[in-house]
PDB file of N, CA and C in Angstrom:
ATOM      1  N   MET A   1       2.416  15.938  -1.031  1.00  0.00           N
ATOM      2  CA  MET A   1       3.484  14.996  -1.227  1.00  0.00           C
ATOM      3  C   MET A   1       3.006  13.888  -2.160  1.00  0.00           C
ATOM      4  N   LYS A   2       3.934  13.268  -2.852  1.00  0.00           N
ATOM      5  CA  LYS A   2       3.604  12.185  -3.766  1.00  0.00           C
ATOM      6  C   LYS A   2       4.233  10.891  -3.265  1.00  0.00           C
ATOM      7  N   ILE A   3       3.441   9.811  -3.328  1.00  0.00           N
ATOM      8  CA  ILE A   3       3.945   8.482  -2.976  1.00  0.00           C
ATOM      9  C   ILE A   3       3.567   7.508  -4.093  1.00  0.00           C
ATOM     10  N   GLU A   4       4.362   6.471  -4.231  1.00  0.00           N
ATOM     11  CA  GLU A   4       4.084   5.444  -5.231  1.00  0.00           C
ATOM     12  C   GLU A   4       3.492   4.226  -4.538  1.00  0.00           C
ATOM     13  N   ILE A   5       2.394   3.737  -5.088  1.00  0.00           N
ATOM     14  CA  ILE A   5       1.733   2.550  -4.569  1.00  0.00           C
ATOM     15  C   ILE A   5       1.905   1.448  -5.602  1.00  0.00           C
ATOM     16  N   ARG A   6       2.359   0.280  -5.153  1.00  0.00           N
ATOM     17  CA  ARG A   6       2.489  -0.894  -6.014  1.00  0.00           C
ATOM     18  C   ARG A   6       1.596  -1.993  -5.458  1.00  0.00           C
ATOM     19  N   LEU A   7       0.650  -2.425  -6.278  1.00  0.00           N
ATOM     20  CA  LEU A   7      -0.295  -3.460  -5.869  1.00  0.00           C
ATOM     21  C   LEU A   7       0.026  -4.765  -6.583  1.00  0.00           C
ATOM     22  N   PHE A   8      -0.208  -5.871  -5.895  1.00  0.00           N
ATOM     23  CA  PHE A   8       0.131  -7.181  -6.437  1.00  0.00           C
ATOM     24  C   PHE A   8      -1.067  -8.122  -6.372  1.00  0.00           C
ATOM     25  N   ALA A   9      -1.060  -9.118  -7.276  1.00  0.00           N
ATOM     26  CA  ALA A   9      -2.047 -10.203  -7.339  1.00  0.00           C
ATOM     27  C   ALA A   9      -3.471  -9.645  -7.377  1.00  0.00           C
ATOM     28  N   THR A  10      -4.335 -10.116  -6.492  1.00  0.00           N
ATOM     29  CA  THR A  10      -5.752  -9.740  -6.542  1.00  0.00           C
ATOM     30  C   THR A  10      -5.999  -8.262  -6.240  1.00  0.00           C
ATOM     31  N   PHE A  11      -5.068  -7.586  -5.614  1.00  0.00           N
ATOM     32  CA  PHE A  11      -5.249  -6.153  -5.356  1.00  0.00           C
ATOM     33  C   PHE A  11      -5.221  -5.335  -6.649  1.00  0.00           C
ATOM     34  N   ARG A  12      -4.767  -5.921  -7.737  1.00  0.00           N
ATOM     35  CA  ARG A  12      -4.738  -5.224  -9.024  1.00  0.00           C
ATOM     36  C   ARG A  12      -6.100  -5.234  -9.716  1.00  0.00           C
ATOM     37  N   GLU A  13      -6.990  -6.089  -9.282  1.00  0.00           N
ATOM     38  CA  GLU A  13      -8.308  -6.182  -9.920  1.00  0.00           C
ATOM     39  C   GLU A  13      -9.082  -4.884  -9.715  1.00  0.00           C
ATOM     40  N   GLY A  14      -9.363  -4.202 -10.822  1.00  0.00           N
ATOM     41  CA  GLY A  14     -10.092  -2.942 -10.780  1.00  0.00           C
ATOM     42  C   GLY A  14      -9.244  -1.750 -10.371  1.00  0.00           C
ATOM     43  N   ARG A  15      -7.932  -1.954 -10.236  1.00  0.00           N
ATOM     44  CA  ARG A  15      -7.015  -0.870  -9.854  1.00  0.00           C
ATOM     45  C   ARG A  15      -5.782  -0.936 -10.751  1.00  0.00           C
ATOM     46  N   GLU A  16      -5.054   0.146 -10.807  1.00  0.00           N
ATOM     47  CA  GLU A  16      -3.778   0.164 -11.506  1.00  0.00           C
ATOM     48  C   GLU A  16      -2.755  -0.600 -10.668  1.00  0.00           C
ATOM     49  N   LYS A  17      -1.839  -1.320 -11.339  1.00  0.00           N
ATOM     50  CA  LYS A  17      -0.833  -2.062 -10.569  1.00  0.00           C
ATOM     51  C   LYS A  17       0.204  -1.136  -9.955  1.00  0.00           C
ATOM     52  N   LYS A  18       0.399   0.019 -10.564  1.00  0.00           N
ATOM     53  CA  LYS A  18       1.343   1.016 -10.037  1.00  0.00           C
ATOM     54  C   LYS A  18       0.683   2.375 -10.199  1.00  0.00           C
ATOM     55  N   GLN A  19       0.647   3.129  -9.109  1.00  0.00           N
ATOM     56  CA  GLN A  19       0.011   4.440  -9.169  1.00  0.00           C
ATOM     57  C   GLN A  19       0.718   5.431  -8.254  1.00  0.00           C
ATOM     58  N   ILE A  20       0.593   6.680  -8.610  1.00  0.00           N
ATOM     59  CA  ILE A  20       1.140   7.760  -7.801  1.00  0.00           C
ATOM     60  C   ILE A  20      -0.034   8.452  -7.109  1.00  0.00           C
ATOM     61  N   LEU A  21       0.037   8.532  -5.797  1.00  0.00           N
ATOM     62  CA  LEU A  21      -0.988   9.249  -5.027  1.00  0.00           C
ATOM     63  C   LEU A  21      -0.416  10.564  -4.537  1.00  0.00           C
ATOM     64  N   GLU A  22      -1.203  11.608  -4.657  1.00  0.00           N
ATOM     65  CA  GLU A  22      -0.827  12.895  -4.073  1.00  0.00           C
ATOM     66  C   GLU A  22      -1.603  13.054  -2.783  1.00  0.00           C
ATOM     67  N   ILE A  23      -0.882  13.183  -1.703  1.00  0.00           N
ATOM     68  CA  ILE A  23      -1.467  13.295  -0.373  1.00  0.00           C
ATOM     69  C   ILE A  23      -1.107  14.668   0.179  1.00  0.00           C
ATOM     70  N   THR A  24      -2.091  15.356   0.727  1.00  0.00           N
ATOM     71  CA  THR A  24      -1.836  16.696   1.249  1.00  0.00           C
ATOM     72  C   THR A  24      -1.748  16.728   2.768  1.00  0.00           C
ATOM     73  N   GLU A  25      -1.985  15.586   3.401  1.00  0.00           N
ATOM     74  CA  GLU A  25      -2.010  15.573   4.863  1.00  0.00           C
ATOM     75  C   GLU A  25      -1.000  14.569   5.411  1.00  0.00           C
ATOM     76  N   ASP A  26      -0.716  14.701   6.684  1.00  0.00           N
ATOM     77  CA  ASP A  26       0.113  13.728   7.390  1.00  0.00           C
ATOM     78  C   ASP A  26      -0.709  12.444   7.504  1.00  0.00           C
ATOM     79  N   ILE A  27      -0.179  11.341   6.991  1.00  0.00           N
ATOM     80  CA  ILE A  27      -0.966  10.116   6.920  1.00  0.00           C
ATOM     81  C   ILE A  27      -0.078   8.909   7.206  1.00  0.00           C
ATOM     82  N   ASN A  28      -0.699   7.852   7.728  1.00  0.00           N
ATOM     83  CA  ASN A  28       0.031   6.597   7.934  1.00  0.00           C
ATOM     84  C   ASN A  28      -0.477   5.566   6.923  1.00  0.00           C
ATOM     85  N   ILE A  29       0.081   4.359   6.997  1.00  0.00           N
ATOM     86  CA  ILE A  29      -0.272   3.320   6.032  1.00  0.00           C
ATOM     87  C   ILE A  29      -1.748   2.945   6.123  1.00  0.00           C
ATOM     88  N   ILE A  30      -2.305   2.918   7.316  1.00  0.00           N
ATOM     89  CA  ILE A  30      -3.739   2.617   7.467  1.00  0.00           C
ATOM     90  C   ILE A  30      -4.572   3.609   6.659  1.00  0.00           C
ATOM     91  N   GLY A  31      -4.206   4.875   6.686  1.00  0.00           N
ATOM     92  CA  GLY A  31      -4.920   5.889   5.918  1.00  0.00           C
ATOM     93  C   GLY A  31      -4.843   5.637   4.419  1.00  0.00           C
ATOM     94  N   ILE A  32      -3.694   5.185   3.952  1.00  0.00           N
ATOM     95  CA  ILE A  32      -3.541   4.858   2.532  1.00  0.00           C
ATOM     96  C   ILE A  32      -4.423   3.670   2.171  1.00  0.00           C
ATOM     97  N   LEU A  33      -4.454   2.646   3.027  1.00  0.00           N
ATOM     98  CA  LEU A  33      -5.308   1.486   2.764  1.00  0.00           C
ATOM     99  C   LEU A  33      -6.775   1.895   2.692  1.00  0.00           C
ATOM    100  N   LYS A  34      -7.191   2.834   3.531  1.00  0.00           N
ATOM    101  CA  LYS A  34      -8.574   3.318   3.493  1.00  0.00           C
ATOM    102  C   LYS A  34      -8.862   4.012   2.169  1.00  0.00           C
ATOM    103  N   ILE A  35      -7.916   4.827   1.700  1.00  0.00           N
ATOM    104  CA  ILE A  35      -8.083   5.505   0.406  1.00  0.00           C
ATOM    105  C   ILE A  35      -8.247   4.474  -0.710  1.00  0.00           C
ATOM    106  N   LEU A  36      -7.482   3.385  -0.637  1.00  0.00           N
ATOM    107  CA  LEU A  36      -7.514   2.347  -1.668  1.00  0.00           C
ATOM    108  C   LEU A  36      -8.651   1.343  -1.465  1.00  0.00           C
ATOM    109  N   ASN A  37      -9.405   1.477  -0.374  1.00  0.00           N
ATOM    110  CA  ASN A  37     -10.492   0.573  -0.031  1.00  0.00           C
ATOM    111  C   ASN A  37      -9.994  -0.867   0.140  1.00  0.00           C
ATOM    112  N   ILE A  38      -8.879  -1.013   0.876  1.00  0.00           N
ATOM    113  CA  ILE A  38      -8.309  -2.321   1.194  1.00  0.00           C
ATOM    114  C   ILE A  38      -8.324  -2.481   2.711  1.00  0.00           C
ATOM    115  N   ASN A  39      -8.928  -3.568   3.198  1.00  0.00           N
ATOM    116  CA  ASN A  39      -8.934  -3.854   4.629  1.00  0.00           C
ATOM    117  C   ASN A  39      -7.571  -4.389   5.047  1.00  0.00           C
ATOM    118  N   LYS A  40      -7.074  -3.951   6.184  1.00  0.00           N
ATOM    119  CA  LYS A  40      -5.748  -4.401   6.616  1.00  0.00           C
ATOM    120  C   LYS A  40      -5.701  -5.908   6.845  1.00  0.00           C
ATOM    121  N   GLU A  41      -6.848  -6.522   7.155  1.00  0.00           N
ATOM    122  CA  GLU A  41      -6.910  -7.965   7.342  1.00  0.00           C
ATOM    123  C   GLU A  41      -6.636  -8.721   6.036  1.00  0.00           C
ATOM    124  N   GLU A  42      -6.806  -8.049   4.899  1.00  0.00           N
ATOM    125  CA  GLU A  42      -6.576  -8.661   3.588  1.00  0.00           C
ATOM    126  C   GLU A  42      -5.102  -8.606   3.173  1.00  0.00           C
ATOM    127  N   VAL A  43      -4.279  -7.866   3.910  1.00  0.00           N
ATOM    128  CA  VAL A  43      -2.890  -7.650   3.537  1.00  0.00           C
ATOM    129  C   VAL A  43      -2.001  -8.711   4.183  1.00  0.00           C
ATOM    130  N   ALA A  44      -1.232  -9.422   3.347  1.00  0.00           N
ATOM    131  CA  ALA A  44      -0.309 -10.441   3.860  1.00  0.00           C
ATOM    132  C   ALA A  44       1.096  -9.880   4.020  1.00  0.00           C
ATOM    133  N   ILE A  45       1.530  -9.085   3.050  1.00  0.00           N
ATOM    134  CA  ILE A  45       2.870  -8.485   3.096  1.00  0.00           C
ATOM    135  C   ILE A  45       2.733  -7.003   2.771  1.00  0.00           C
ATOM    136  N   LEU A  46       3.402  -6.191   3.559  1.00  0.00           N
ATOM    137  CA  LEU A  46       3.365  -4.748   3.402  1.00  0.00           C
ATOM    138  C   LEU A  46       4.794  -4.231   3.475  1.00  0.00           C
ATOM    139  N   LEU A  47       5.257  -3.624   2.402  1.00  0.00           N
ATOM    140  CA  LEU A  47       6.620  -3.104   2.363  1.00  0.00           C
ATOM    141  C   LEU A  47       6.584  -1.593   2.147  1.00  0.00           C
ATOM    142  N   LEU A  48       7.303  -0.874   2.983  1.00  0.00           N
ATOM    143  CA  LEU A  48       7.476   0.566   2.811  1.00  0.00           C
ATOM    144  C   LEU A  48       8.943   0.787   2.487  1.00  0.00           C
ATOM    145  N   ASN A  49       9.202   1.206   1.262  1.00  0.00           N
ATOM    146  CA  ASN A  49      10.566   1.370   0.771  1.00  0.00           C
ATOM    147  C   ASN A  49      11.379   0.086   0.917  1.00  0.00           C
ATOM    148  N   GLY A  50      10.702  -1.053   0.656  1.00  0.00           N
ATOM    149  CA  GLY A  50      11.365  -2.351   0.678  1.00  0.00           C
ATOM    150  C   GLY A  50      11.525  -2.980   2.043  1.00  0.00           C
ATOM    151  N   MET A  51      11.035  -2.327   3.084  1.00  0.00           N
ATOM    152  CA  MET A  51      11.179  -2.830   4.452  1.00  0.00           C
ATOM    153  C   MET A  51       9.809  -3.198   5.030  1.00  0.00           C
ATOM    154  N   GLU A  52       9.735  -4.387   5.616  1.00  0.00           N
ATOM    155  CA  GLU A  52       8.510  -4.831   6.246  1.00  0.00           C
ATOM    156  C   GLU A  52       8.330  -4.115   7.584  1.00  0.00           C
ATOM    157  N   GLY A  53       7.083  -3.954   8.000  1.00  0.00           N
ATOM    158  CA  GLY A  53       6.818  -3.297   9.271  1.00  0.00           C
ATOM    159  C   GLY A  53       5.330  -3.126   9.498  1.00  0.00           C
ATOM    160  N   GLY A  54       4.985  -2.329  10.490  1.00  0.00           N
ATOM    161  CA  GLY A  54       3.596  -2.157  10.905  1.00  0.00           C
ATOM    162  C   GLY A  54       2.804  -1.171  10.078  1.00  0.00           C
ATOM    163  N   PHE A  55       1.499  -1.226  10.305  1.00  0.00           N
ATOM    164  CA  PHE A  55       0.550  -0.383   9.574  1.00  0.00           C
ATOM    165  C   PHE A  55       0.541   1.070  10.053  1.00  0.00           C
ATOM    166  N   ASP A  56       1.134   1.335  11.208  1.00  0.00           N
ATOM    167  CA  ASP A  56       1.069   2.686  11.769  1.00  0.00           C
ATOM    168  C   ASP A  56       2.211   3.592  11.312  1.00  0.00           C
ATOM    169  N   ARG A  57       3.092   3.075  10.450  1.00  0.00           N
ATOM    170  CA  ARG A  57       4.215   3.894   9.988  1.00  0.00           C
ATOM    171  C   ARG A  57       3.720   5.082   9.171  1.00  0.00           C
ATOM    172  N   LYS A  58       4.334   6.228   9.399  1.00  0.00           N
ATOM    173  CA  LYS A  58       3.986   7.452   8.679  1.00  0.00           C
ATOM    174  C   LYS A  58       4.548   7.418   7.262  1.00  0.00           C
ATOM    175  N   ILE A  59       3.802   7.986   6.344  1.00  0.00           N
ATOM    176  CA  ILE A  59       4.199   8.086   4.946  1.00  0.00           C
ATOM    177  C   ILE A  59       4.883   9.435   4.734  1.00  0.00           C
ATOM    178  N   LYS A  60       6.002   9.399   3.974  1.00  0.00           N
ATOM    179  CA  LYS A  60       6.734  10.628   3.648  1.00  0.00           C
ATOM    180  C   LYS A  60       6.775  10.794   2.130  1.00  0.00           C
ATOM    181  N   ASP A  61       7.035  11.998   1.698  1.00  0.00           N
ATOM    182  CA  ASP A  61       7.137  12.291   0.276  1.00  0.00           C
ATOM    183  C   ASP A  61       8.178  11.380  -0.379  1.00  0.00           C
ATOM    184  N   GLY A  62       7.798  10.777  -1.512  1.00  0.00           N
ATOM    185  CA  GLY A  62       8.710   9.919  -2.256  1.00  0.00           C
ATOM    186  C   GLY A  62       8.718   8.461  -1.824  1.00  0.00           C
ATOM    187  N   ASP A  63       7.952   8.104  -0.784  1.00  0.00           N
ATOM    188  CA  ASP A  63       7.907   6.717  -0.320  1.00  0.00           C
ATOM    189  C   ASP A  63       7.290   5.808  -1.379  1.00  0.00           C
ATOM    190  N   ILE A  64       7.671   4.531  -1.321  1.00  0.00           N
ATOM    191  CA  ILE A  64       7.094   3.497  -2.174  1.00  0.00           C
ATOM    192  C   ILE A  64       6.466   2.457  -1.261  1.00  0.00           C
ATOM    193  N   LEU A  65       5.170   2.249  -1.437  1.00  0.00           N
ATOM    194  CA  LEU A  65       4.417   1.300  -0.631  1.00  0.00           C
ATOM    195  C   LEU A  65       3.980   0.130  -1.519  1.00  0.00           C
ATOM    196  N   SER A  66       4.405  -1.076  -1.162  1.00  0.00           N
ATOM    197  CA  SER A  66       4.057  -2.294  -1.901  1.00  0.00           C
ATOM    198  C   SER A  66       3.119  -3.125  -1.030  1.00  0.00           C
ATOM    199  N   ILE A  67       1.991  -3.552  -1.630  1.00  0.00           N
ATOM    200  CA  ILE A  67       0.957  -4.240  -0.879  1.00  0.00           C
ATOM    201  C   ILE A  67       0.630  -5.572  -1.553  1.00  0.00           C
ATOM    202  N   PHE A  68       0.736  -6.659  -0.791  1.00  0.00           N
ATOM    203  CA  PHE A  68       0.506  -8.013  -1.303  1.00  0.00           C
ATOM    204  C   PHE A  68      -0.606  -8.679  -0.509  1.00  0.00           C
ATOM    205  N   PRO A  69      -1.557  -9.328  -1.199  1.00  0.00           N
ATOM    206  CA  PRO A  69      -2.545 -10.159  -0.494  1.00  0.00           C
ATOM    207  C   PRO A  69      -1.944 -11.540  -0.239  1.00  0.00           C
ATOM    208  N   PRO A  70      -2.645 -12.384   0.533  1.00  0.00           N
ATOM    209  CA  PRO A  70      -2.184 -13.766   0.640  1.00  0.00           C
ATOM    210  C   PRO A  70      -2.222 -14.418  -0.740  1.00  0.00           C
ATOM    211  N   VAL A  71      -1.199 -15.165  -1.073  1.00  0.00           N
ATOM    212  CA  VAL A  71      -1.134 -15.800  -2.388  1.00  0.00           C
ATOM    213  C   VAL A  71      -0.994 -17.302  -2.187  1.00  0.00           C
ATOM    214  N   GLY A  72      -1.868 -18.044  -2.818  1.00  0.00           N
ATOM    215  CA  GLY A  72      -1.805 -19.499  -2.728  1.00  0.00           C
ATOM    216  C   GLY A  72      -1.308 -20.073  -4.039  1.00  0.00           C
ATOM    217  N   GLY A  73      -0.903 -21.256  -3.991  1.00  0.00           N
ATOM    218  CA  GLY A  73      -0.442 -21.903  -5.209  1.00  0.00           C
ATOM    219  C   GLY A  73      -0.173 -23.369  -4.950  1.00  0.00           C
ATOM    220  N   GLY A  74       0.194 -24.014  -5.996  1.00  0.00           N
ATOM    221  CA  GLY A  74       0.421 -25.438  -5.813  1.00  0.00           C
ATOM    222  C   GLY A  74       1.605 -25.930  -6.573  1.00  0.00           C
TER     223      GLY A  74
END
């Protein structure tokens, strides 16, 4: 199955901002974060197909996962 990953802010450093992952196994969001080498503690906002929710949600073919770190500003 193919899923689209969209990374924002500091998560783009050393990675593509938008990428397609091909996954051959049943996997949840935690598994995707492990593939991307991102600790869940570093994630501030996580959207699966535009909807916020938990890390244990299963990924399906065609899903879009958007991952945001904490962002500061002034």
